[in-house]
N, C-alpha and C. Protein backbone atom coordinates (compact mmCIF):
# COMPACT_ATOMS: atom_id res chain seq x y z
N MET A 1 82.74 39.28 141.27
CA MET A 1 81.72 39.27 140.23
C MET A 1 81.48 37.87 139.70
N TYR A 2 82.55 37.07 139.68
CA TYR A 2 82.42 35.71 139.18
C TYR A 2 81.40 34.94 140.03
N ASP A 3 81.52 35.03 141.34
CA ASP A 3 80.59 34.32 142.21
C ASP A 3 79.17 34.88 142.08
N PHE A 4 79.05 36.21 141.94
CA PHE A 4 77.73 36.81 141.76
C PHE A 4 77.08 36.31 140.49
N SER A 5 77.86 36.18 139.41
CA SER A 5 77.30 35.73 138.14
C SER A 5 76.80 34.29 138.21
N ARG A 6 77.25 33.56 139.21
CA ARG A 6 76.82 32.17 139.38
C ARG A 6 75.80 32.01 140.51
N SER A 7 75.24 33.12 140.97
CA SER A 7 74.29 33.06 142.08
C SER A 7 72.85 33.05 141.58
N ARG A 8 72.00 32.41 142.33
CA ARG A 8 70.58 32.43 142.00
C ARG A 8 70.02 33.85 142.08
N PHE A 9 70.56 34.65 142.99
CA PHE A 9 70.09 36.01 143.16
C PHE A 9 70.28 36.83 141.88
N ALA A 10 71.44 36.69 141.24
CA ALA A 10 71.70 37.44 140.00
C ALA A 10 70.70 37.04 138.92
N TRP A 11 70.46 35.76 138.78
CA TRP A 11 69.52 35.29 137.77
C TRP A 11 68.09 35.67 138.13
N ALA A 12 67.78 35.69 139.41
CA ALA A 12 66.44 36.11 139.85
C ALA A 12 66.22 37.59 139.53
N LEU A 13 67.26 38.42 139.69
CA LEU A 13 67.15 39.83 139.34
C LEU A 13 66.86 40.01 137.86
N LEU A 14 67.57 39.27 137.03
CA LEU A 14 67.36 39.35 135.59
C LEU A 14 65.93 38.92 135.25
N THR A 15 65.50 37.81 135.80
CA THR A 15 64.17 37.29 135.51
C THR A 15 63.09 38.25 136.00
N ALA A 16 63.21 38.72 137.23
CA ALA A 16 62.20 39.61 137.80
C ALA A 16 62.15 40.94 137.04
N GLY A 17 63.31 41.49 136.70
CA GLY A 17 63.33 42.75 135.96
C GLY A 17 62.71 42.62 134.58
N SER A 18 63.02 41.54 133.90
CA SER A 18 62.46 41.31 132.57
C SER A 18 60.97 41.03 132.63
N LEU A 19 60.56 40.29 133.63
CA LEU A 19 59.13 40.02 133.82
C LEU A 19 58.38 41.32 134.13
N ALA A 20 58.99 42.19 134.92
CA ALA A 20 58.36 43.49 135.22
C ALA A 20 58.16 44.30 133.93
N LEU A 21 59.14 44.27 133.04
CA LEU A 21 59.01 44.98 131.77
C LEU A 21 57.87 44.41 130.93
N LEU A 22 57.73 43.09 130.92
CA LEU A 22 56.64 42.46 130.18
C LEU A 22 55.29 42.84 130.79
N LEU A 23 55.22 42.86 132.10
CA LEU A 23 53.96 43.25 132.77
C LEU A 23 53.62 44.71 132.50
N ILE A 24 54.63 45.55 132.41
CA ILE A 24 54.39 46.96 132.06
C ILE A 24 53.82 47.07 130.65
N ALA A 25 54.37 46.26 129.73
CA ALA A 25 53.83 46.26 128.37
C ALA A 25 52.36 45.85 128.36
N LEU A 26 52.02 44.85 129.15
CA LEU A 26 50.63 44.41 129.23
C LEU A 26 49.75 45.45 129.90
N LEU A 27 50.29 46.18 130.86
CA LEU A 27 49.56 47.29 131.48
C LEU A 27 49.24 48.35 130.44
N PHE A 28 50.21 48.70 129.63
CA PHE A 28 49.96 49.68 128.57
C PHE A 28 48.89 49.18 127.60
N GLN A 29 48.92 47.89 127.31
CA GLN A 29 47.96 47.35 126.37
C GLN A 29 46.56 47.26 126.96
N TYR A 30 46.44 46.67 128.12
CA TYR A 30 45.10 46.37 128.65
C TYR A 30 44.53 47.44 129.57
N ALA A 31 45.35 48.18 130.28
CA ALA A 31 44.83 49.21 131.17
C ALA A 31 44.78 50.58 130.48
N LYS A 32 45.75 50.86 129.63
CA LYS A 32 45.79 52.16 128.97
C LYS A 32 45.23 52.12 127.56
N GLY A 33 45.00 50.94 127.02
CA GLY A 33 44.37 50.81 125.70
C GLY A 33 45.28 51.02 124.51
N TYR A 34 46.60 50.91 124.70
CA TYR A 34 47.52 51.03 123.57
C TYR A 34 47.56 49.70 122.83
N HIS A 35 47.50 49.78 121.53
CA HIS A 35 47.46 48.56 120.71
C HIS A 35 48.88 48.21 120.26
N PRO A 36 49.34 46.99 120.56
CA PRO A 36 50.69 46.61 120.15
C PRO A 36 50.77 46.33 118.65
N CYS A 37 51.82 46.80 118.03
CA CYS A 37 52.04 46.50 116.61
C CYS A 37 52.85 45.21 116.50
N VAL A 38 53.12 44.81 115.28
CA VAL A 38 53.85 43.56 115.08
C VAL A 38 55.27 43.65 115.65
N MET A 39 55.90 44.82 115.55
CA MET A 39 57.24 44.97 116.11
C MET A 39 57.19 44.90 117.64
N CYS A 40 56.11 45.41 118.22
CA CYS A 40 55.94 45.33 119.68
C CYS A 40 55.88 43.87 120.14
N VAL A 41 55.12 43.06 119.42
CA VAL A 41 54.99 41.67 119.85
C VAL A 41 56.29 40.91 119.60
N TYR A 42 57.04 41.28 118.56
CA TYR A 42 58.35 40.65 118.35
C TYR A 42 59.30 41.02 119.50
N GLN A 43 59.24 42.28 119.94
CA GLN A 43 60.09 42.70 121.06
C GLN A 43 59.65 41.99 122.35
N ARG A 44 58.37 41.74 122.50
CA ARG A 44 57.90 40.95 123.64
C ARG A 44 58.48 39.55 123.59
N ALA A 45 58.52 38.97 122.40
CA ALA A 45 59.08 37.62 122.25
C ALA A 45 60.56 37.62 122.65
N ALA A 46 61.29 38.65 122.26
CA ALA A 46 62.70 38.76 122.65
C ALA A 46 62.82 38.88 124.17
N LEU A 47 61.94 39.66 124.77
CA LEU A 47 61.96 39.82 126.23
C LEU A 47 61.64 38.49 126.92
N ILE A 48 60.74 37.73 126.36
CA ILE A 48 60.44 36.41 126.93
C ILE A 48 61.63 35.48 126.77
N GLY A 49 62.40 35.66 125.70
CA GLY A 49 63.65 34.91 125.56
C GLY A 49 64.60 35.23 126.70
N VAL A 50 64.70 36.49 127.09
CA VAL A 50 65.53 36.88 128.23
C VAL A 50 64.99 36.26 129.51
N ILE A 51 63.67 36.26 129.66
CA ILE A 51 63.05 35.66 130.85
C ILE A 51 63.36 34.17 130.92
N PHE A 52 63.22 33.46 129.81
CA PHE A 52 63.54 32.03 129.79
C PHE A 52 65.00 31.78 130.12
N ALA A 53 65.89 32.60 129.58
CA ALA A 53 67.31 32.47 129.90
C ALA A 53 67.53 32.70 131.39
N GLY A 54 66.84 33.69 131.95
CA GLY A 54 66.96 33.96 133.38
C GLY A 54 66.46 32.80 134.23
N VAL A 55 65.37 32.21 133.82
CA VAL A 55 64.84 31.06 134.57
C VAL A 55 65.81 29.88 134.49
N LEU A 56 66.35 29.62 133.30
CA LEU A 56 67.32 28.54 133.16
C LEU A 56 68.54 28.78 134.03
N GLY A 57 69.05 30.01 134.01
CA GLY A 57 70.18 30.35 134.87
C GLY A 57 69.84 30.26 136.34
N TRP A 58 68.63 30.63 136.70
CA TRP A 58 68.21 30.55 138.10
C TRP A 58 68.10 29.10 138.56
N LEU A 59 67.61 28.23 137.68
CA LEU A 59 67.45 26.83 138.06
C LEU A 59 68.79 26.13 138.26
N MET A 60 69.77 26.49 137.44
CA MET A 60 71.08 25.82 137.51
C MET A 60 72.22 26.83 137.38
N PRO A 61 72.36 27.71 138.35
CA PRO A 61 73.35 28.78 138.21
C PRO A 61 74.80 28.31 138.24
N ARG A 62 75.07 27.15 138.82
CA ARG A 62 76.46 26.68 138.93
C ARG A 62 76.78 25.54 137.97
N HIS A 63 75.79 25.10 137.21
CA HIS A 63 76.02 24.05 136.22
C HIS A 63 76.63 24.69 134.99
N ARG A 64 77.82 24.26 134.63
CA ARG A 64 78.57 24.93 133.56
C ARG A 64 77.80 24.99 132.25
N LEU A 65 77.25 23.88 131.78
CA LEU A 65 76.57 23.85 130.49
C LEU A 65 75.30 24.70 130.50
N PHE A 66 74.43 24.48 131.49
CA PHE A 66 73.16 25.21 131.51
C PHE A 66 73.37 26.70 131.78
N SER A 67 74.31 27.00 132.62
CA SER A 67 74.61 28.40 132.91
C SER A 67 75.16 29.11 131.66
N THR A 68 76.01 28.41 130.93
CA THR A 68 76.55 28.98 129.69
C THR A 68 75.44 29.16 128.66
N LEU A 69 74.57 28.17 128.52
CA LEU A 69 73.44 28.30 127.61
C LEU A 69 72.54 29.47 128.01
N ALA A 70 72.34 29.64 129.31
CA ALA A 70 71.52 30.76 129.79
C ALA A 70 72.17 32.10 129.44
N LEU A 71 73.48 32.21 129.64
CA LEU A 71 74.18 33.45 129.30
C LEU A 71 74.11 33.74 127.81
N LEU A 72 74.33 32.72 126.99
CA LEU A 72 74.28 32.92 125.54
C LEU A 72 72.86 33.23 125.07
N GLY A 73 71.86 32.58 125.68
CA GLY A 73 70.47 32.87 125.35
C GLY A 73 70.10 34.29 125.74
N TRP A 74 70.56 34.73 126.89
CA TRP A 74 70.33 36.09 127.36
C TRP A 74 70.94 37.09 126.37
N LEU A 75 72.18 36.85 125.96
CA LEU A 75 72.84 37.74 125.02
C LEU A 75 72.12 37.76 123.67
N ALA A 76 71.76 36.58 123.17
CA ALA A 76 71.11 36.49 121.85
C ALA A 76 69.74 37.16 121.87
N ALA A 77 68.94 36.90 122.90
CA ALA A 77 67.60 37.49 122.98
C ALA A 77 67.70 39.01 123.14
N SER A 78 68.65 39.48 123.92
CA SER A 78 68.83 40.92 124.11
C SER A 78 69.28 41.60 122.82
N ALA A 79 70.22 40.97 122.12
CA ALA A 79 70.70 41.54 120.86
C ALA A 79 69.57 41.58 119.83
N LYS A 80 68.80 40.50 119.75
CA LYS A 80 67.68 40.47 118.82
C LYS A 80 66.64 41.53 119.20
N GLY A 81 66.36 41.67 120.48
CA GLY A 81 65.43 42.69 120.94
C GLY A 81 65.90 44.09 120.56
N TYR A 82 67.20 44.33 120.69
CA TYR A 82 67.75 45.64 120.31
C TYR A 82 67.52 45.90 118.82
N LEU A 83 67.83 44.91 117.99
CA LEU A 83 67.67 45.08 116.54
C LEU A 83 66.20 45.30 116.16
N LEU A 84 65.30 44.59 116.83
CA LEU A 84 63.87 44.78 116.58
C LEU A 84 63.42 46.18 116.99
N ALA A 85 63.87 46.63 118.16
CA ALA A 85 63.51 47.97 118.63
C ALA A 85 64.08 49.04 117.70
N GLU A 86 65.30 48.83 117.22
CA GLU A 86 65.91 49.77 116.29
C GLU A 86 65.10 49.85 114.99
N GLU A 87 64.67 48.71 114.48
CA GLU A 87 63.84 48.70 113.27
C GLU A 87 62.51 49.42 113.53
N HIS A 88 61.93 49.19 114.71
CA HIS A 88 60.68 49.83 115.08
C HIS A 88 60.85 51.35 115.13
N VAL A 89 61.94 51.81 115.69
CA VAL A 89 62.21 53.25 115.73
C VAL A 89 62.28 53.81 114.31
N GLY A 90 62.85 53.06 113.40
CA GLY A 90 62.90 53.48 112.00
C GLY A 90 61.52 53.68 111.41
N TYR A 91 60.59 52.80 111.75
CA TYR A 91 59.21 52.97 111.26
C TYR A 91 58.58 54.24 111.84
N GLN A 92 58.91 54.54 113.09
CA GLN A 92 58.32 55.72 113.73
C GLN A 92 58.95 57.01 113.22
N LEU A 93 60.25 57.02 113.02
CA LEU A 93 60.93 58.25 112.63
C LEU A 93 60.84 58.53 111.13
N ASN A 94 60.60 57.50 110.34
CA ASN A 94 60.55 57.66 108.89
C ASN A 94 59.28 57.03 108.32
N PRO A 95 58.11 57.47 108.77
CA PRO A 95 56.88 56.84 108.27
C PRO A 95 56.65 57.19 106.79
N SER A 96 56.31 56.19 106.03
CA SER A 96 55.97 56.41 104.62
C SER A 96 55.27 55.16 104.11
N PRO A 97 54.59 55.26 103.01
CA PRO A 97 53.95 54.06 102.45
C PRO A 97 54.97 53.00 102.04
N PHE A 98 56.23 53.40 101.88
CA PHE A 98 57.27 52.46 101.46
C PHE A 98 58.07 51.90 102.63
N ASN A 99 57.77 52.37 103.83
CA ASN A 99 58.50 51.94 105.03
C ASN A 99 57.48 51.57 106.10
N GLN A 100 56.85 50.42 105.94
CA GLN A 100 55.82 49.98 106.88
C GLN A 100 56.09 48.56 107.33
N CYS A 101 55.65 48.29 108.54
CA CYS A 101 55.77 46.92 109.02
C CYS A 101 54.50 46.15 108.64
N SER A 102 54.58 44.87 108.80
CA SER A 102 53.45 44.01 108.49
C SER A 102 52.34 44.20 109.52
N SER A 103 51.14 43.85 109.14
CA SER A 103 50.01 43.90 110.09
C SER A 103 49.84 42.56 110.80
N PHE A 104 50.55 41.56 110.33
CA PHE A 104 50.41 40.21 110.87
C PHE A 104 51.75 39.70 111.39
N ALA A 105 51.71 39.04 112.51
CA ALA A 105 52.92 38.44 113.06
C ALA A 105 53.31 37.24 112.20
N GLU A 106 54.59 37.10 111.97
CA GLU A 106 55.10 35.99 111.16
C GLU A 106 56.06 35.17 112.00
N PHE A 107 55.50 34.47 112.97
CA PHE A 107 56.30 33.59 113.80
C PHE A 107 56.55 32.29 113.05
N PRO A 108 57.58 31.56 113.41
CA PRO A 108 57.84 30.30 112.71
C PRO A 108 56.67 29.32 112.89
N ALA A 109 56.52 28.42 111.93
CA ALA A 109 55.42 27.44 111.98
C ALA A 109 55.51 26.57 113.23
N TRP A 110 56.72 26.33 113.73
CA TRP A 110 56.87 25.49 114.91
C TRP A 110 56.57 26.23 116.21
N ALA A 111 56.38 27.55 116.14
CA ALA A 111 56.07 28.35 117.34
C ALA A 111 55.15 29.51 116.98
N PRO A 112 53.91 29.21 116.61
CA PRO A 112 52.99 30.30 116.25
C PRO A 112 52.45 31.01 117.50
N LEU A 113 53.30 31.83 118.08
CA LEU A 113 52.96 32.47 119.36
C LEU A 113 51.70 33.30 119.28
N ASP A 114 51.45 33.92 118.12
CA ASP A 114 50.25 34.75 117.98
C ASP A 114 48.97 33.91 118.05
N ARG A 115 49.06 32.63 117.73
CA ARG A 115 47.89 31.74 117.87
C ARG A 115 47.85 31.07 119.22
N TRP A 116 49.02 30.76 119.77
CA TRP A 116 49.06 30.11 121.08
C TRP A 116 48.69 31.08 122.21
N LEU A 117 49.19 32.29 122.14
CA LEU A 117 48.96 33.29 123.19
C LEU A 117 48.57 34.62 122.56
N PRO A 118 47.36 34.70 121.99
CA PRO A 118 46.97 35.94 121.31
C PRO A 118 46.89 37.15 122.24
N ALA A 119 46.61 36.93 123.51
CA ALA A 119 46.55 38.06 124.45
C ALA A 119 47.91 38.74 124.59
N LEU A 120 48.96 38.03 124.28
CA LEU A 120 50.32 38.56 124.41
C LEU A 120 50.95 38.90 123.06
N PHE A 121 50.60 38.15 122.03
CA PHE A 121 51.33 38.24 120.76
C PHE A 121 50.49 38.57 119.53
N HIS A 122 49.25 38.97 119.70
CA HIS A 122 48.44 39.33 118.54
C HIS A 122 48.56 40.83 118.28
N PRO A 123 49.15 41.23 117.13
CA PRO A 123 49.32 42.66 116.87
C PRO A 123 48.03 43.30 116.35
N THR A 124 47.73 44.47 116.89
CA THR A 124 46.54 45.21 116.43
C THR A 124 46.85 46.67 116.13
N GLY A 125 48.09 47.08 116.36
CA GLY A 125 48.45 48.48 116.17
C GLY A 125 49.30 48.72 114.93
N ASP A 126 49.68 49.97 114.75
CA ASP A 126 50.50 50.40 113.62
C ASP A 126 51.90 50.76 114.15
N CYS A 127 52.92 50.26 113.49
CA CYS A 127 54.29 50.48 113.95
C CYS A 127 54.71 51.95 113.93
N ALA A 128 54.12 52.73 113.05
CA ALA A 128 54.51 54.14 112.93
C ALA A 128 53.88 55.01 114.01
N ASP A 129 52.84 54.53 114.68
CA ASP A 129 52.18 55.32 115.72
C ASP A 129 53.09 55.49 116.94
N VAL A 130 53.12 56.70 117.46
CA VAL A 130 53.83 56.97 118.71
C VAL A 130 52.74 57.30 119.73
N ASP A 131 52.27 56.27 120.43
CA ASP A 131 51.19 56.44 121.41
C ASP A 131 51.70 56.98 122.74
N TRP A 132 52.96 56.74 123.04
CA TRP A 132 53.49 57.08 124.35
C TRP A 132 54.93 57.54 124.18
N SER A 133 55.29 58.54 124.95
CA SER A 133 56.69 58.94 125.01
C SER A 133 56.96 59.50 126.40
N TRP A 134 58.20 59.44 126.80
CA TRP A 134 58.62 59.96 128.08
C TRP A 134 60.02 60.54 127.89
N LEU A 135 60.20 61.76 128.33
CA LEU A 135 61.46 62.49 128.17
C LEU A 135 61.88 62.58 126.71
N GLY A 136 60.88 62.64 125.84
CA GLY A 136 61.14 62.79 124.41
C GLY A 136 61.44 61.51 123.66
N TRP A 137 61.41 60.38 124.34
CA TRP A 137 61.69 59.09 123.70
C TRP A 137 60.43 58.26 123.64
N SER A 138 60.22 57.61 122.50
CA SER A 138 59.07 56.70 122.35
C SER A 138 59.40 55.36 123.02
N MET A 139 58.39 54.52 123.12
CA MET A 139 58.59 53.23 123.77
C MET A 139 59.69 52.40 123.09
N PRO A 140 59.71 52.28 121.75
CA PRO A 140 60.79 51.49 121.17
C PRO A 140 62.18 52.11 121.36
N GLN A 141 62.25 53.43 121.50
CA GLN A 141 63.54 54.05 121.79
C GLN A 141 64.01 53.66 123.19
N TRP A 142 63.08 53.64 124.13
CA TRP A 142 63.42 53.19 125.48
C TRP A 142 63.84 51.72 125.46
N LEU A 143 63.12 50.93 124.66
CA LEU A 143 63.46 49.50 124.59
C LEU A 143 64.81 49.27 123.95
N MET A 144 65.21 50.13 123.01
CA MET A 144 66.58 50.03 122.48
C MET A 144 67.58 50.16 123.62
N GLY A 145 67.34 51.12 124.49
CA GLY A 145 68.22 51.30 125.64
C GLY A 145 68.19 50.12 126.59
N VAL A 146 66.99 49.63 126.87
CA VAL A 146 66.85 48.48 127.77
C VAL A 146 67.57 47.27 127.21
N PHE A 147 67.33 46.96 125.94
CA PHE A 147 67.97 45.80 125.34
C PHE A 147 69.49 45.99 125.22
N ALA A 148 69.94 47.23 124.98
CA ALA A 148 71.38 47.48 124.93
C ALA A 148 72.02 47.21 126.29
N VAL A 149 71.36 47.66 127.35
CA VAL A 149 71.88 47.41 128.70
C VAL A 149 71.87 45.91 129.00
N LEU A 150 70.78 45.24 128.64
CA LEU A 150 70.72 43.79 128.87
C LEU A 150 71.81 43.05 128.10
N ALA A 151 72.01 43.41 126.84
CA ALA A 151 73.06 42.77 126.05
C ALA A 151 74.44 43.08 126.62
N GLY A 152 74.65 44.32 127.04
CA GLY A 152 75.92 44.69 127.64
C GLY A 152 76.20 43.93 128.92
N LEU A 153 75.17 43.78 129.75
CA LEU A 153 75.34 43.00 130.99
C LEU A 153 75.63 41.54 130.68
N ALA A 154 74.94 40.98 129.71
CA ALA A 154 75.19 39.58 129.34
C ALA A 154 76.63 39.42 128.86
N ALA A 155 77.09 40.32 128.00
CA ALA A 155 78.46 40.26 127.51
C ALA A 155 79.46 40.42 128.66
N PHE A 156 79.17 41.33 129.57
CA PHE A 156 80.04 41.53 130.73
C PHE A 156 80.14 40.26 131.55
N PHE A 157 79.01 39.61 131.83
CA PHE A 157 79.05 38.39 132.63
C PHE A 157 79.69 37.23 131.89
N ILE A 158 79.60 37.21 130.58
CA ILE A 158 80.31 36.18 129.82
C ILE A 158 81.82 36.38 129.98
N VAL A 159 82.28 37.63 129.89
CA VAL A 159 83.70 37.92 130.08
C VAL A 159 84.12 37.57 131.50
N VAL A 160 83.29 37.92 132.48
CA VAL A 160 83.59 37.59 133.88
C VAL A 160 83.72 36.09 134.05
N ARG A 161 82.81 35.34 133.45
CA ARG A 161 82.85 33.87 133.55
C ARG A 161 84.11 33.32 132.89
N LEU A 162 84.44 33.83 131.70
CA LEU A 162 85.64 33.35 131.02
C LEU A 162 86.90 33.66 131.82
N ALA A 163 86.99 34.89 132.33
CA ALA A 163 88.16 35.27 133.14
C ALA A 163 88.23 34.43 134.41
N GLY A 164 87.08 34.20 135.04
CA GLY A 164 87.06 33.38 136.25
C GLY A 164 87.45 31.94 135.97
N ALA A 165 86.99 31.40 134.86
CA ALA A 165 87.34 30.02 134.51
C ALA A 165 88.83 29.92 134.20
N LEU A 166 89.38 30.90 133.48
CA LEU A 166 90.81 30.88 133.17
C LEU A 166 91.66 31.03 134.44
N ARG A 167 91.20 31.89 135.35
CA ARG A 167 91.92 32.10 136.60
C ARG A 167 91.91 30.83 137.45
N ARG A 168 90.80 30.12 137.45
CA ARG A 168 90.70 28.89 138.26
C ARG A 168 91.53 27.76 137.66
N GLU A 169 91.72 27.78 136.33
CA GLU A 169 92.55 26.74 135.70
C GLU A 169 94.04 27.01 135.92
N ALA A 170 94.39 28.27 136.09
CA ALA A 170 95.81 28.61 136.23
C ALA A 170 96.38 28.25 137.59
């Protein structure tokens, strides 16, 4: 597993899988007409964080510093995505005038993604709407699972890397 975690193939799988999820989100938006809410675009940003981490890992899978940064970025983006999806599920399961998300994205001033890439990050929907479900789960519920798996895999590979590094030093 240690060697696999340092392979371009492993990082390519992460990048391709995450990119496929982003493309599916865009398919739902542009082909099916579902309007993304602010929580949706935040979850997209987290997914793009995973994609960037995957690209960094793919570019330098055996470089200790960059590979470690990629693993930590993958874990952080996945954990943040999980928390965002969990909050989104709360809006869907407990809709009320006192439990609503914003209508406007609030990205940091140094990265106004909604202005730079409005086709990807401009929210037009309502967080409480459940436009799509499959097997009884809404899209943010599925994303909670996806981000949990991604975070779990990142944590697993961090442990594999640490164990492999300790074993090689011994």
